[in-house]
């Protein structure tokens, strides 16, 4: 099993898909790295040699990935929170940041629904 930047690449997958397990590597970066190294994207991740893994590792040094990218994103969010801007407040409260509706939906950001004690249903009021 190949290990790149502290991430185990999934077995029995095409290299163009397996390399995307690294945070910050999407379809475009994966294709660029594999063509730069000269590895076919359709090869299985099981067939990769240690030498090719080392070549991929050196090619990925040109990109901000994994730990550095996570740190950069966390610092950007912290900066917004410290500024107290609208987006920072939304991050602080755990609400959607990019203008999505919250009256309905938004359960992913808000967490599971919490029942309000003493709230009566509309039928019970009639």
N, C-alpha and C. Protein backbone atom coordinates (compact mmCIF):
# COMPACT_ATOMS: atom_id res chain seq x y z
N UNK A 1 0.84 -1.18 0.00
CA UNK A 1 0.00 0.00 0.00
C UNK A 1 0.89 1.25 0.00
N UNK A 2 0.62 2.15 -0.92
CA UNK A 2 1.41 3.37 -1.03
C UNK A 2 0.98 4.38 0.02
N UNK A 3 1.95 5.11 0.54
CA UNK A 3 1.67 6.13 1.55
C UNK A 3 2.28 7.45 1.08
N UNK A 4 1.41 8.45 0.90
CA UNK A 4 1.86 9.76 0.44
C UNK A 4 1.42 10.83 1.43
N UNK A 5 2.36 11.63 1.91
CA UNK A 5 2.07 12.76 2.80
C UNK A 5 1.23 12.36 4.00
N UNK A 6 1.50 11.18 4.55
CA UNK A 6 0.79 10.71 5.73
C UNK A 6 -0.58 10.11 5.44
N UNK A 7 -0.90 9.88 4.17
CA UNK A 7 -2.20 9.33 3.79
C UNK A 7 -1.98 8.01 3.06
N UNK A 8 -2.68 6.97 3.49
CA UNK A 8 -2.63 5.69 2.78
C UNK A 8 -3.53 5.78 1.56
N UNK A 9 -2.97 5.49 0.39
CA UNK A 9 -3.78 5.50 -0.82
C UNK A 9 -4.67 4.26 -0.83
N UNK A 10 -5.92 4.40 -1.26
CA UNK A 10 -6.81 3.23 -1.30
C UNK A 10 -6.31 2.18 -2.29
N UNK A 11 -6.55 0.92 -1.97
CA UNK A 11 -6.13 -0.18 -2.83
C UNK A 11 -7.16 -0.41 -3.93
N UNK A 12 -6.71 -1.08 -4.98
CA UNK A 12 -7.57 -1.50 -6.09
C UNK A 12 -8.38 -0.37 -6.70
N UNK A 13 -7.76 0.81 -6.84
CA UNK A 13 -8.41 1.92 -7.52
C UNK A 13 -7.46 2.47 -8.56
N UNK A 14 -8.03 3.12 -9.57
CA UNK A 14 -7.19 3.79 -10.56
C UNK A 14 -6.37 4.85 -9.84
N UNK A 15 -5.17 5.10 -10.31
CA UNK A 15 -4.32 6.11 -9.68
C UNK A 15 -4.94 7.49 -9.75
N UNK A 16 -5.66 7.80 -10.84
CA UNK A 16 -6.29 9.12 -10.95
C UNK A 16 -7.35 9.33 -9.87
N UNK A 17 -7.91 8.24 -9.35
CA UNK A 17 -8.91 8.32 -8.28
C UNK A 17 -8.22 8.19 -6.91
N UNK A 18 -7.28 7.27 -6.80
CA UNK A 18 -6.64 6.98 -5.51
C UNK A 18 -5.88 8.18 -4.97
N UNK A 19 -5.23 8.93 -5.85
CA UNK A 19 -4.42 10.07 -5.41
C UNK A 19 -5.30 11.18 -4.83
N UNK A 20 -6.58 11.16 -5.15
CA UNK A 20 -7.51 12.18 -4.63
C UNK A 20 -7.83 11.99 -3.15
N UNK A 21 -7.35 10.91 -2.55
CA UNK A 21 -7.54 10.69 -1.11
C UNK A 21 -6.75 11.72 -0.31
N UNK A 22 -5.80 12.37 -0.96
CA UNK A 22 -4.99 13.40 -0.31
C UNK A 22 -5.79 14.69 -0.30
N UNK A 23 -5.87 15.34 0.86
CA UNK A 23 -6.62 16.59 1.02
C UNK A 23 -5.99 17.67 0.14
N UNK A 24 -6.80 18.27 -0.73
CA UNK A 24 -6.32 19.31 -1.61
C UNK A 24 -5.99 18.83 -3.00
N UNK A 25 -6.11 17.53 -3.25
CA UNK A 25 -5.86 16.98 -4.59
C UNK A 25 -7.20 16.56 -5.18
N UNK A 26 -7.60 17.28 -6.22
CA UNK A 26 -8.84 16.97 -6.92
C UNK A 26 -8.52 16.40 -8.29
N UNK A 27 -9.52 16.35 -9.16
CA UNK A 27 -9.31 15.77 -10.49
C UNK A 27 -8.23 16.49 -11.30
N UNK A 28 -8.21 17.81 -11.25
CA UNK A 28 -7.26 18.59 -12.05
C UNK A 28 -5.83 18.39 -11.56
N UNK A 29 -5.61 18.53 -10.26
CA UNK A 29 -4.26 18.38 -9.70
C UNK A 29 -3.78 16.95 -9.89
N UNK A 30 -4.68 15.97 -9.70
CA UNK A 30 -4.31 14.57 -9.87
C UNK A 30 -3.82 14.31 -11.29
N UNK A 31 -4.56 14.84 -12.27
CA UNK A 31 -4.17 14.65 -13.68
C UNK A 31 -2.83 15.32 -13.97
N UNK A 32 -2.63 16.54 -13.44
CA UNK A 32 -1.38 17.26 -13.68
C UNK A 32 -0.18 16.52 -13.08
N UNK A 33 -0.35 16.03 -11.86
CA UNK A 33 0.75 15.33 -11.17
C UNK A 33 1.09 14.04 -11.90
N UNK A 34 0.08 13.26 -12.27
CA UNK A 34 0.33 11.98 -12.92
C UNK A 34 0.97 12.16 -14.30
N UNK A 35 0.55 13.18 -15.05
CA UNK A 35 1.18 13.41 -16.35
C UNK A 35 2.61 13.92 -16.18
N UNK A 36 2.86 14.73 -15.16
CA UNK A 36 4.21 15.24 -14.91
C UNK A 36 5.16 14.09 -14.56
N UNK A 37 4.65 13.12 -13.83
CA UNK A 37 5.47 11.98 -13.41
C UNK A 37 5.55 10.93 -14.52
N UNK A 38 4.54 10.90 -15.38
CA UNK A 38 4.53 9.93 -16.48
C UNK A 38 3.85 8.63 -16.11
N UNK A 39 2.90 8.68 -15.19
CA UNK A 39 2.15 7.49 -14.78
C UNK A 39 0.77 7.54 -15.42
N UNK A 40 0.33 6.41 -15.96
CA UNK A 40 -1.00 6.33 -16.55
C UNK A 40 -2.03 6.38 -15.43
N UNK A 41 -3.04 7.23 -15.58
CA UNK A 41 -4.08 7.38 -14.56
C UNK A 41 -4.95 6.16 -14.40
N UNK A 42 -4.94 5.26 -15.42
CA UNK A 42 -5.77 4.05 -15.35
C UNK A 42 -5.07 2.89 -14.64
N UNK A 43 -3.77 3.05 -14.33
CA UNK A 43 -3.07 1.98 -13.59
C UNK A 43 -3.62 1.86 -12.19
N UNK A 44 -3.60 0.65 -11.69
CA UNK A 44 -4.09 0.40 -10.33
C UNK A 44 -3.10 0.91 -9.31
N UNK A 45 -3.62 1.33 -8.18
CA UNK A 45 -2.74 1.84 -7.11
C UNK A 45 -1.90 0.72 -6.51
N UNK A 46 -2.29 -0.53 -6.73
CA UNK A 46 -1.50 -1.68 -6.26
C UNK A 46 -0.21 -1.85 -7.06
N UNK A 47 -0.22 -1.41 -8.31
CA UNK A 47 0.91 -1.63 -9.22
C UNK A 47 2.00 -0.57 -9.11
N UNK A 48 1.80 0.44 -8.29
CA UNK A 48 2.75 1.54 -8.18
C UNK A 48 3.98 1.11 -7.39
N UNK A 49 5.15 1.40 -7.94
CA UNK A 49 6.40 1.05 -7.26
C UNK A 49 6.80 2.16 -6.28
N UNK A 50 7.73 1.86 -5.41
CA UNK A 50 8.20 2.84 -4.42
C UNK A 50 8.89 4.01 -5.12
N UNK A 51 9.55 3.74 -6.21
CA UNK A 51 10.22 4.80 -6.98
C UNK A 51 9.19 5.79 -7.53
N UNK A 52 8.08 5.26 -8.06
CA UNK A 52 7.02 6.12 -8.60
C UNK A 52 6.33 6.91 -7.49
N UNK A 53 6.19 6.30 -6.32
CA UNK A 53 5.61 7.00 -5.17
C UNK A 53 6.48 8.20 -4.81
N UNK A 54 7.79 8.00 -4.85
CA UNK A 54 8.73 9.08 -4.54
C UNK A 54 8.62 10.20 -5.58
N UNK A 55 8.43 9.85 -6.84
CA UNK A 55 8.27 10.85 -7.90
C UNK A 55 6.98 11.66 -7.69
N UNK A 56 5.91 10.97 -7.32
CA UNK A 56 4.64 11.65 -7.05
C UNK A 56 4.82 12.61 -5.87
N UNK A 57 5.52 12.14 -4.84
CA UNK A 57 5.75 12.96 -3.65
C UNK A 57 6.48 14.26 -4.01
N UNK A 58 7.49 14.15 -4.84
CA UNK A 58 8.24 15.35 -5.24
C UNK A 58 7.39 16.27 -6.12
N UNK A 59 6.52 15.68 -6.97
CA UNK A 59 5.65 16.49 -7.83
C UNK A 59 4.60 17.22 -7.00
N UNK A 60 4.16 16.63 -5.89
CA UNK A 60 3.14 17.26 -5.04
C UNK A 60 3.71 18.40 -4.19
N UNK A 61 5.04 18.52 -4.14
CA UNK A 61 5.65 19.62 -3.37
C UNK A 61 5.34 20.97 -3.99
N UNK A 62 4.95 21.00 -5.26
CA UNK A 62 4.60 22.26 -5.93
C UNK A 62 3.20 22.75 -5.55
N UNK A 63 2.42 21.94 -4.87
CA UNK A 63 1.05 22.28 -4.51
C UNK A 63 0.90 22.37 -3.00
N UNK A 64 -0.07 23.18 -2.56
CA UNK A 64 -0.40 23.26 -1.14
C UNK A 64 -1.42 22.16 -0.86
N UNK A 65 -1.01 21.13 -0.14
CA UNK A 65 -1.90 20.00 0.13
C UNK A 65 -1.76 19.55 1.58
N UNK A 66 -2.70 18.70 1.99
CA UNK A 66 -2.72 18.04 3.29
C UNK A 66 -2.54 19.02 4.45
N UNK A 67 -1.55 18.86 5.30
CA UNK A 67 -1.42 19.63 6.54
C UNK A 67 -1.31 21.12 6.33
N UNK A 68 -0.53 21.55 5.33
CA UNK A 68 -0.37 22.98 5.06
C UNK A 68 -1.68 23.61 4.64
N UNK A 69 -2.43 22.91 3.78
CA UNK A 69 -3.71 23.43 3.30
C UNK A 69 -4.74 23.47 4.43
N UNK A 70 -4.79 22.43 5.25
CA UNK A 70 -5.71 22.43 6.40
C UNK A 70 -5.40 23.60 7.33
N UNK A 71 -4.12 23.82 7.59
CA UNK A 71 -3.70 24.92 8.47
C UNK A 71 -4.10 26.27 7.87
N UNK A 72 -3.89 26.42 6.56
CA UNK A 72 -4.22 27.67 5.87
C UNK A 72 -5.71 27.96 5.95
N UNK A 73 -6.54 26.94 5.71
CA UNK A 73 -8.00 27.10 5.77
C UNK A 73 -8.44 27.45 7.19
N UNK A 74 -7.87 26.77 8.19
CA UNK A 74 -8.23 27.03 9.59
C UNK A 74 -7.85 28.46 9.98
N UNK A 75 -6.69 28.93 9.51
CA UNK A 75 -6.27 30.30 9.81
C UNK A 75 -7.17 31.33 9.13
N UNK A 76 -7.62 31.03 7.92
CA UNK A 76 -8.55 31.93 7.23
C UNK A 76 -9.86 32.05 7.99
N UNK A 77 -10.38 30.92 8.47
CA UNK A 77 -11.63 30.93 9.23
C UNK A 77 -11.44 31.66 10.56
N UNK A 78 -10.30 31.43 11.22
CA UNK A 78 -10.00 32.12 12.48
C UNK A 78 -9.92 33.62 12.27
N UNK A 79 -9.32 34.04 11.16
CA UNK A 79 -9.22 35.47 10.84
C UNK A 79 -10.60 36.09 10.69
N UNK A 80 -11.50 35.39 10.00
CA UNK A 80 -12.87 35.90 9.82
C UNK A 80 -13.59 36.01 11.17
N UNK A 81 -13.38 35.02 12.05
CA UNK A 81 -14.01 35.05 13.37
C UNK A 81 -13.48 36.22 14.19
N UNK A 82 -12.17 36.45 14.14
CA UNK A 82 -11.56 37.53 14.91
C UNK A 82 -12.00 38.90 14.41
N UNK A 83 -12.19 39.02 13.09
CA UNK A 83 -12.66 40.29 12.53
C UNK A 83 -14.08 40.61 12.97
N UNK A 84 -14.86 39.56 13.21
CA UNK A 84 -16.26 39.77 13.59
C UNK A 84 -17.13 40.14 12.41
N UNK A 85 -16.68 39.82 11.20
CA UNK A 85 -17.49 40.10 10.02
C UNK A 85 -18.64 39.10 9.94
N UNK A 86 -19.54 39.34 9.00
CA UNK A 86 -20.73 38.50 8.87
C UNK A 86 -20.36 37.03 8.72
N UNK A 87 -19.42 36.74 7.82
CA UNK A 87 -19.01 35.34 7.61
C UNK A 87 -18.40 34.75 8.86
N UNK A 88 -17.62 35.54 9.60
CA UNK A 88 -17.01 35.06 10.83
C UNK A 88 -18.05 34.73 11.88
N UNK A 89 -19.07 35.56 11.99
CA UNK A 89 -20.16 35.32 12.94
C UNK A 89 -20.90 34.04 12.58
N UNK A 90 -21.14 33.83 11.29
CA UNK A 90 -21.82 32.61 10.84
C UNK A 90 -20.98 31.38 11.19
N UNK A 91 -19.65 31.47 11.01
CA UNK A 91 -18.77 30.35 11.39
C UNK A 91 -18.86 30.12 12.90
N UNK A 92 -18.83 31.18 13.68
CA UNK A 92 -18.88 31.07 15.14
C UNK A 92 -20.15 30.37 15.62
N UNK A 93 -21.27 30.73 15.00
CA UNK A 93 -22.57 30.17 15.40
C UNK A 93 -22.85 28.80 14.78
N UNK A 94 -22.01 28.37 13.87
CA UNK A 94 -22.21 27.07 13.23
C UNK A 94 -23.36 27.07 12.24
N UNK A 95 -23.58 28.19 11.58
CA UNK A 95 -24.65 28.32 10.60
C UNK A 95 -24.06 28.36 9.19
N UNK A 96 -24.88 28.17 8.16
CA UNK A 96 -24.36 28.25 6.80
C UNK A 96 -23.75 29.62 6.52
N UNK A 97 -22.63 29.64 5.82
CA UNK A 97 -21.86 30.87 5.64
C UNK A 97 -22.19 31.54 4.31
N UNK A 98 -22.56 30.77 3.31
CA UNK A 98 -22.65 31.30 1.95
C UNK A 98 -24.06 31.60 1.48
N UNK A 99 -24.91 32.07 2.35
CA UNK A 99 -26.21 32.57 1.94
C UNK A 99 -27.31 31.55 1.79
N UNK A 100 -27.09 30.31 2.23
CA UNK A 100 -28.14 29.31 2.12
C UNK A 100 -29.27 29.61 3.10
N UNK A 101 -30.45 29.12 2.80
CA UNK A 101 -31.59 29.35 3.69
C UNK A 101 -31.46 28.50 4.95
N UNK A 102 -32.00 28.99 6.05
CA UNK A 102 -31.93 28.25 7.30
C UNK A 102 -33.31 28.00 7.90
N UNK A 103 -34.36 28.60 7.32
CA UNK A 103 -35.70 28.38 7.85
C UNK A 103 -36.05 26.90 7.79
N UNK A 104 -35.79 26.32 6.63
CA UNK A 104 -35.87 24.86 6.51
C UNK A 104 -34.49 24.40 6.06
N UNK A 105 -34.23 23.14 6.13
CA UNK A 105 -32.93 22.58 5.73
C UNK A 105 -31.82 23.06 6.65
N UNK A 106 -30.60 23.11 6.19
CA UNK A 106 -29.40 23.50 6.94
C UNK A 106 -29.14 22.60 8.14
N UNK A 107 -29.68 21.37 8.14
CA UNK A 107 -29.49 20.49 9.27
C UNK A 107 -28.04 20.01 9.39
N UNK A 108 -27.32 19.99 8.28
CA UNK A 108 -25.93 19.56 8.34
C UNK A 108 -25.13 20.52 9.21
N UNK A 109 -25.32 21.81 9.03
CA UNK A 109 -24.58 22.81 9.81
C UNK A 109 -25.16 22.99 11.21
N UNK A 110 -26.49 22.96 11.33
CA UNK A 110 -27.13 23.27 12.61
C UNK A 110 -27.16 22.08 13.57
N UNK A 111 -26.97 20.88 13.04
CA UNK A 111 -27.04 19.69 13.88
C UNK A 111 -28.46 19.15 13.93
N UNK A 112 -28.69 18.08 14.72
CA UNK A 112 -30.02 17.49 14.77
C UNK A 112 -31.05 18.46 15.36
N UNK A 113 -32.29 18.32 14.91
CA UNK A 113 -33.37 19.20 15.36
C UNK A 113 -33.62 19.00 16.85
N UNK A 114 -33.85 20.10 17.56
CA UNK A 114 -34.11 20.06 18.99
C UNK A 114 -35.54 20.52 19.21
N UNK A 115 -36.32 19.70 19.92
CA UNK A 115 -37.71 20.05 20.20
C UNK A 115 -37.76 21.21 21.19
N UNK A 116 -38.72 22.12 20.97
CA UNK A 116 -38.88 23.26 21.87
C UNK A 116 -39.95 22.91 22.89
N UNK A 117 -39.60 22.97 24.17
CA UNK A 117 -40.53 22.57 25.25
C UNK A 117 -41.69 23.56 25.30
N UNK A 118 -42.88 23.02 25.41
CA UNK A 118 -44.07 23.85 25.58
C UNK A 118 -44.65 24.39 24.29
N UNK A 119 -44.06 24.09 23.17
CA UNK A 119 -44.59 24.57 21.91
C UNK A 119 -45.75 23.68 21.50
N UNK A 120 -46.88 24.32 21.23
CA UNK A 120 -48.09 23.57 20.87
C UNK A 120 -48.19 23.48 19.36
N UNK A 121 -48.81 22.40 18.89
CA UNK A 121 -49.02 22.25 17.46
C UNK A 121 -50.20 23.12 17.02
N UNK A 122 -50.33 23.36 15.74
CA UNK A 122 -51.39 24.21 15.22
C UNK A 122 -52.75 23.56 15.44
N UNK A 123 -52.84 22.24 15.31
CA UNK A 123 -54.13 21.55 15.52
C UNK A 123 -54.59 21.67 16.96
N UNK A 124 -53.67 21.62 17.90
CA UNK A 124 -54.03 21.69 19.31
C UNK A 124 -54.56 23.08 19.67
N UNK A 125 -54.18 24.11 18.92
CA UNK A 125 -54.61 25.46 19.22
C UNK A 125 -56.02 25.71 18.73
N UNK A 126 -56.51 24.94 17.75
CA UNK A 126 -57.85 25.14 17.18
C UNK A 126 -58.93 24.56 18.01
